Each structure stands twice: as structure tokens, then as C-alpha cells.
Amino acid sequence: MKTNRKSKITPELVQDFIRFYNKNYTLRKISVLKQVSPNTVKKYLMLSNIKVKTLNIVNKLNVDDDFLIGLYVGVWCGDGTQYKDRGRNTIKICCNSNDKDMIKL
């Protein structure tokens, strides 16, 4: 695997990502152990042809409840990001895994 000279990502580190991911470690846990961002772990797993589990993706929202939409937008404004991914607009909301009410929403 080709790495950038300025990058601290080495082929050995990528192998560690794969090994930990195959032991069912989360991207976040791997990122903490290896001191890189979760997105970096995901990127190198995908470059290594590892299918990364993404079960929390919402592609469409069919809700006529204005209050619920307002609540969702408010949560996103508080702890969300937006970006273009492969030509599509994407938004992401992050929350603590212990915050069960937020996850349920």
C-alpha cells in the first residue's frame, strides 16, 4: 500500500486496523488505541477492501411532523456536520453511545 511521506500511516498500522476490526473492535476503539481519527481507520479499511459496517445511515426522511423535523435540525446544528461525498450532500450527527434517547430519535 502506498503511503504519503508525511503520513504516519504505515502498512503495519493498516494491518493493525484490519486485525482489530476483525476482532470486532469499533472504529472509535481502534482510533483511540492507535491515536488516529475514526475516519482514517475507516478509510484504510476500505482501501484494504474490508467492508465497514454502517448500519446507521438514513437515506430519506418521510415525515410530515414539523416539530420532529425541527427537533432533528436542532440536534444536527448542535452536534452535526455536512459535506459532499461522491457528489451527494451528506449530514452526520454524532452522539455518545450511552445517550439512548438520542440514538432512538
N, C-alpha and C. Protein backbone atom coordinates (compact mmCIF):
# COMPACT_ATOMS: atom_id res chain seq x y z
N MET A 1 0.84 -1.17 0.00
CA MET A 1 0.00 0.00 0.00
C MET A 1 0.89 1.23 0.00
N LYS A 2 0.55 2.16 -0.86
CA LYS A 2 1.33 3.38 -0.99
C LYS A 2 0.93 4.36 0.12
N THR A 3 1.90 4.93 0.81
CA THR A 3 1.60 5.89 1.86
C THR A 3 2.32 7.20 1.57
N ASN A 4 1.77 8.27 2.04
CA ASN A 4 2.34 9.60 1.89
C ASN A 4 3.55 9.72 2.83
N ARG A 5 4.61 10.38 2.36
CA ARG A 5 5.82 10.51 3.21
C ARG A 5 5.52 11.24 4.50
N LYS A 6 4.61 12.21 4.48
CA LYS A 6 4.30 12.99 5.68
C LYS A 6 3.32 12.25 6.59
N SER A 7 2.72 11.21 6.11
CA SER A 7 1.71 10.48 6.87
C SER A 7 2.37 9.54 7.88
N LYS A 8 1.70 9.38 9.01
CA LYS A 8 2.19 8.42 9.99
C LYS A 8 1.53 7.05 9.81
N ILE A 9 0.73 6.91 8.76
CA ILE A 9 0.07 5.64 8.48
C ILE A 9 1.03 4.74 7.72
N THR A 10 1.39 3.64 8.35
CA THR A 10 2.31 2.69 7.74
C THR A 10 1.55 1.41 7.38
N PRO A 11 2.11 0.58 6.51
CA PRO A 11 1.45 -0.69 6.21
C PRO A 11 1.22 -1.55 7.47
N GLU A 12 2.14 -1.47 8.43
CA GLU A 12 1.98 -2.23 9.67
C GLU A 12 0.78 -1.71 10.47
N LEU A 13 0.61 -0.39 10.47
CA LEU A 13 -0.51 0.20 11.18
C LEU A 13 -1.84 -0.20 10.52
N VAL A 14 -1.86 -0.23 9.20
CA VAL A 14 -3.06 -0.66 8.48
C VAL A 14 -3.38 -2.11 8.82
N GLN A 15 -2.36 -2.95 8.93
CA GLN A 15 -2.58 -4.35 9.31
C GLN A 15 -3.15 -4.44 10.73
N ASP A 16 -2.72 -3.54 11.61
CA ASP A 16 -3.30 -3.49 12.96
C ASP A 16 -4.77 -3.10 12.89
N PHE A 17 -5.11 -2.12 12.04
CA PHE A 17 -6.51 -1.73 11.86
C PHE A 17 -7.34 -2.96 11.47
N ILE A 18 -6.84 -3.71 10.49
CA ILE A 18 -7.56 -4.88 9.98
C ILE A 18 -7.70 -5.94 11.07
N ARG A 19 -6.62 -6.18 11.78
CA ARG A 19 -6.64 -7.21 12.83
C ARG A 19 -7.65 -6.86 13.93
N PHE A 20 -7.62 -5.60 14.40
CA PHE A 20 -8.56 -5.18 15.44
C PHE A 20 -10.00 -5.19 14.92
N TYR A 21 -10.20 -4.75 13.68
CA TYR A 21 -11.56 -4.71 13.13
C TYR A 21 -12.12 -6.13 13.00
N ASN A 22 -11.27 -7.06 12.61
CA ASN A 22 -11.71 -8.46 12.50
C ASN A 22 -12.01 -9.08 13.86
N LYS A 23 -11.50 -8.47 14.94
CA LYS A 23 -11.82 -8.92 16.30
C LYS A 23 -13.02 -8.16 16.86
N ASN A 24 -13.77 -7.50 15.96
CA ASN A 24 -14.99 -6.75 16.30
C ASN A 24 -14.77 -5.51 17.16
N TYR A 25 -13.58 -4.90 17.06
CA TYR A 25 -13.37 -3.61 17.70
C TYR A 25 -14.10 -2.57 16.86
N THR A 26 -14.64 -1.53 17.50
CA THR A 26 -15.29 -0.45 16.76
C THR A 26 -14.23 0.46 16.15
N LEU A 27 -14.65 1.24 15.17
CA LEU A 27 -13.72 2.22 14.57
C LEU A 27 -13.21 3.18 15.63
N ARG A 28 -14.09 3.60 16.52
CA ARG A 28 -13.70 4.54 17.58
C ARG A 28 -12.67 3.91 18.51
N LYS A 29 -12.87 2.65 18.90
CA LYS A 29 -11.93 2.00 19.81
C LYS A 29 -10.56 1.83 19.14
N ILE A 30 -10.57 1.45 17.86
CA ILE A 30 -9.31 1.32 17.13
C ILE A 30 -8.62 2.67 17.05
N SER A 31 -9.40 3.72 16.79
CA SER A 31 -8.81 5.05 16.66
C SER A 31 -8.16 5.52 17.96
N VAL A 32 -8.78 5.17 19.09
CA VAL A 32 -8.20 5.54 20.39
C VAL A 32 -6.92 4.75 20.64
N LEU A 33 -6.96 3.45 20.35
CA LEU A 33 -5.79 2.60 20.57
C LEU A 33 -4.60 3.03 19.71
N LYS A 34 -4.88 3.41 18.47
CA LYS A 34 -3.81 3.73 17.52
C LYS A 34 -3.59 5.23 17.33
N GLN A 35 -4.34 6.06 18.06
CA GLN A 35 -4.19 7.51 18.07
C GLN A 35 -4.31 8.13 16.68
N VAL A 36 -5.36 7.73 15.97
CA VAL A 36 -5.73 8.33 14.68
C VAL A 36 -7.24 8.57 14.71
N SER A 37 -7.75 9.28 13.74
CA SER A 37 -9.19 9.55 13.73
C SER A 37 -9.97 8.32 13.26
N PRO A 38 -11.24 8.20 13.68
CA PRO A 38 -12.06 7.08 13.20
C PRO A 38 -12.20 7.08 11.67
N ASN A 39 -12.26 8.27 11.07
CA ASN A 39 -12.36 8.36 9.62
C ASN A 39 -11.11 7.82 8.93
N THR A 40 -9.96 8.00 9.55
CA THR A 40 -8.72 7.46 8.99
C THR A 40 -8.75 5.94 9.04
N VAL A 41 -9.20 5.38 10.15
CA VAL A 41 -9.32 3.93 10.26
C VAL A 41 -10.25 3.41 9.18
N LYS A 42 -11.42 4.05 9.05
CA LYS A 42 -12.40 3.62 8.05
C LYS A 42 -11.82 3.71 6.65
N LYS A 43 -11.13 4.79 6.35
CA LYS A 43 -10.54 4.99 5.02
C LYS A 43 -9.59 3.86 4.66
N TYR A 44 -8.69 3.52 5.57
CA TYR A 44 -7.69 2.50 5.27
C TYR A 44 -8.27 1.08 5.29
N LEU A 45 -9.32 0.87 6.07
CA LEU A 45 -10.01 -0.42 6.00
C LEU A 45 -10.67 -0.58 4.63
N MET A 46 -11.32 0.49 4.17
CA MET A 46 -11.99 0.43 2.87
C MET A 46 -10.98 0.30 1.73
N LEU A 47 -9.83 0.97 1.85
CA LEU A 47 -8.78 0.83 0.83
C LEU A 47 -8.21 -0.58 0.81
N SER A 48 -8.33 -1.29 1.93
CA SER A 48 -7.87 -2.68 2.01
C SER A 48 -8.98 -3.67 1.67
N ASN A 49 -10.05 -3.16 1.04
CA ASN A 49 -11.19 -3.98 0.62
C ASN A 49 -11.91 -4.67 1.78
N ILE A 50 -11.93 -4.03 2.95
CA ILE A 50 -12.69 -4.51 4.09
C ILE A 50 -14.03 -3.78 4.09
N LYS A 51 -15.12 -4.51 4.13
CA LYS A 51 -16.44 -3.89 4.16
C LYS A 51 -16.70 -3.39 5.58
N VAL A 52 -16.82 -2.08 5.72
CA VAL A 52 -17.05 -1.46 7.02
C VAL A 52 -18.55 -1.40 7.27
N LYS A 53 -18.96 -1.84 8.46
CA LYS A 53 -20.37 -1.86 8.82
C LYS A 53 -20.87 -0.44 9.07
N THR A 54 -21.88 -0.03 8.34
CA THR A 54 -22.51 1.28 8.54
C THR A 54 -24.01 1.06 8.60
N LEU A 55 -24.51 0.74 9.77
CA LEU A 55 -25.92 0.42 9.93
C LEU A 55 -26.78 1.62 10.28
N ASN A 56 -26.18 2.77 10.50
CA ASN A 56 -26.93 3.92 10.98
C ASN A 56 -27.12 4.99 9.91
N ILE A 57 -27.13 4.63 8.64
CA ILE A 57 -27.28 5.61 7.58
C ILE A 57 -28.76 5.77 7.24
N VAL A 58 -29.21 7.02 7.24
CA VAL A 58 -30.58 7.35 6.85
C VAL A 58 -30.52 7.99 5.48
N ASN A 59 -31.19 7.41 4.50
CA ASN A 59 -31.15 7.94 3.15
C ASN A 59 -32.31 8.87 2.83
N LYS A 60 -33.42 8.72 3.52
CA LYS A 60 -34.59 9.52 3.20
C LYS A 60 -35.41 9.70 4.47
N LEU A 61 -36.03 10.86 4.60
CA LEU A 61 -36.88 11.15 5.75
C LEU A 61 -38.27 11.47 5.24
N ASN A 62 -39.23 10.61 5.49
CA ASN A 62 -40.62 10.82 5.08
C ASN A 62 -41.45 11.11 6.32
N VAL A 63 -41.37 12.34 6.80
CA VAL A 63 -42.11 12.73 7.99
C VAL A 63 -42.80 14.06 7.71
N ASP A 64 -44.07 14.14 8.06
CA ASP A 64 -44.82 15.39 7.91
C ASP A 64 -44.91 16.16 9.21
N ASP A 65 -44.30 15.64 10.26
CA ASP A 65 -44.35 16.27 11.58
C ASP A 65 -43.30 17.39 11.65
N ASP A 66 -43.76 18.65 11.57
CA ASP A 66 -42.85 19.79 11.58
C ASP A 66 -42.04 19.87 12.87
N PHE A 67 -42.64 19.50 14.00
CA PHE A 67 -41.92 19.52 15.27
C PHE A 67 -40.75 18.55 15.25
N LEU A 68 -40.97 17.33 14.75
CA LEU A 68 -39.90 16.33 14.69
C LEU A 68 -38.78 16.79 13.75
N ILE A 69 -39.15 17.36 12.62
CA ILE A 69 -38.13 17.86 11.68
C ILE A 69 -37.34 18.99 12.34
N GLY A 70 -38.03 19.89 13.05
CA GLY A 70 -37.34 20.98 13.75
C GLY A 70 -36.40 20.47 14.82
N LEU A 71 -36.85 19.45 15.55
CA LEU A 71 -36.01 18.85 16.58
C LEU A 71 -34.76 18.23 15.97
N TYR A 72 -34.94 17.51 14.87
CA TYR A 72 -33.83 16.87 14.17
C TYR A 72 -32.82 17.92 13.69
N VAL A 73 -33.32 19.00 13.08
CA VAL A 73 -32.43 20.07 12.60
C VAL A 73 -31.71 20.72 13.77
N GLY A 74 -32.39 20.91 14.89
CA GLY A 74 -31.76 21.50 16.07
C GLY A 74 -30.65 20.63 16.61
N VAL A 75 -30.88 19.32 16.65
CA VAL A 75 -29.85 18.39 17.11
C VAL A 75 -28.66 18.44 16.16
N TRP A 76 -28.94 18.46 14.86
CA TRP A 76 -27.86 18.50 13.87
C TRP A 76 -27.05 19.78 14.02
N CYS A 77 -27.71 20.91 14.23
CA CYS A 77 -26.99 22.18 14.40
C CYS A 77 -26.09 22.13 15.63
N GLY A 78 -26.52 21.42 16.67
CA GLY A 78 -25.74 21.34 17.90
C GLY A 78 -24.55 20.41 17.80
N ASP A 79 -24.68 19.31 17.07
CA ASP A 79 -23.60 18.32 17.05
C ASP A 79 -23.55 17.58 15.71
N GLY A 80 -23.59 18.31 14.63
CA GLY A 80 -23.58 17.66 13.32
C GLY A 80 -22.61 18.30 12.36
N THR A 81 -22.40 17.63 11.24
CA THR A 81 -21.54 18.15 10.18
C THR A 81 -22.23 17.91 8.85
N GLN A 82 -21.80 18.64 7.85
CA GLN A 82 -22.29 18.41 6.50
C GLN A 82 -21.12 18.44 5.55
N TYR A 83 -21.19 17.68 4.47
CA TYR A 83 -20.13 17.63 3.48
C TYR A 83 -20.65 16.98 2.22
N LYS A 84 -19.92 17.12 1.14
CA LYS A 84 -20.26 16.43 -0.11
C LYS A 84 -19.46 15.15 -0.17
N ASP A 85 -20.14 14.04 -0.43
CA ASP A 85 -19.49 12.75 -0.54
C ASP A 85 -19.91 12.13 -1.86
N ARG A 86 -18.96 11.98 -2.76
CA ARG A 86 -19.23 11.43 -4.09
C ARG A 86 -20.34 12.19 -4.80
N GLY A 87 -20.31 13.51 -4.68
CA GLY A 87 -21.29 14.35 -5.36
C GLY A 87 -22.63 14.48 -4.67
N ARG A 88 -22.81 13.82 -3.52
CA ARG A 88 -24.08 13.90 -2.78
C ARG A 88 -23.87 14.66 -1.49
N ASN A 89 -24.87 15.45 -1.11
CA ASN A 89 -24.81 16.13 0.18
C ASN A 89 -25.06 15.11 1.29
N THR A 90 -24.23 15.14 2.30
CA THR A 90 -24.35 14.21 3.42
C THR A 90 -24.31 15.00 4.71
N ILE A 91 -25.15 14.62 5.67
CA ILE A 91 -25.07 15.20 7.01
C ILE A 91 -24.84 14.07 7.99
N LYS A 92 -24.17 14.39 9.07
CA LYS A 92 -23.85 13.38 10.07
C LYS A 92 -24.07 13.98 11.45
N ILE A 93 -24.69 13.21 12.31
CA ILE A 93 -24.89 13.62 13.71
C ILE A 93 -24.16 12.61 14.59
N CYS A 94 -23.35 13.11 15.49
CA CYS A 94 -22.57 12.25 16.39
C CYS A 94 -23.10 12.41 17.81
N CYS A 95 -23.18 11.30 18.52
CA CYS A 95 -23.58 11.36 19.93
C CYS A 95 -22.93 10.20 20.67
N ASN A 96 -22.93 10.32 21.97
CA ASN A 96 -22.35 9.29 22.81
C ASN A 96 -23.19 8.02 22.74
N SER A 97 -22.54 6.87 22.70
CA SER A 97 -23.28 5.60 22.59
C SER A 97 -24.14 5.32 23.83
N ASN A 98 -23.89 5.99 24.93
CA ASN A 98 -24.70 5.81 26.14
C ASN A 98 -25.96 6.67 26.14
N ASP A 99 -26.07 7.61 25.19
CA ASP A 99 -27.22 8.50 25.11
C ASP A 99 -28.34 7.81 24.34
N LYS A 100 -29.03 6.89 24.99
CA LYS A 100 -30.03 6.02 24.35
C LYS A 100 -31.20 6.80 23.77
N ASP A 101 -31.63 7.89 24.46
CA ASP A 101 -32.76 8.68 23.95
C ASP A 101 -32.40 9.33 22.62
N MET A 102 -31.20 9.86 22.50
CA MET A 102 -30.77 10.50 21.27
C MET A 102 -30.65 9.47 20.13
N ILE A 103 -30.12 8.33 20.42
CA ILE A 103 -29.98 7.27 19.41
C ILE A 103 -31.34 6.81 18.93
N LYS A 104 -32.30 6.66 19.86
CA LYS A 104 -33.64 6.24 19.50
C LYS A 104 -34.29 7.25 18.59
N LEU A 105 -34.08 8.54 18.84
CA LEU A 105 -34.63 9.59 17.99
C LEU A 105 -34.09 9.48 16.59
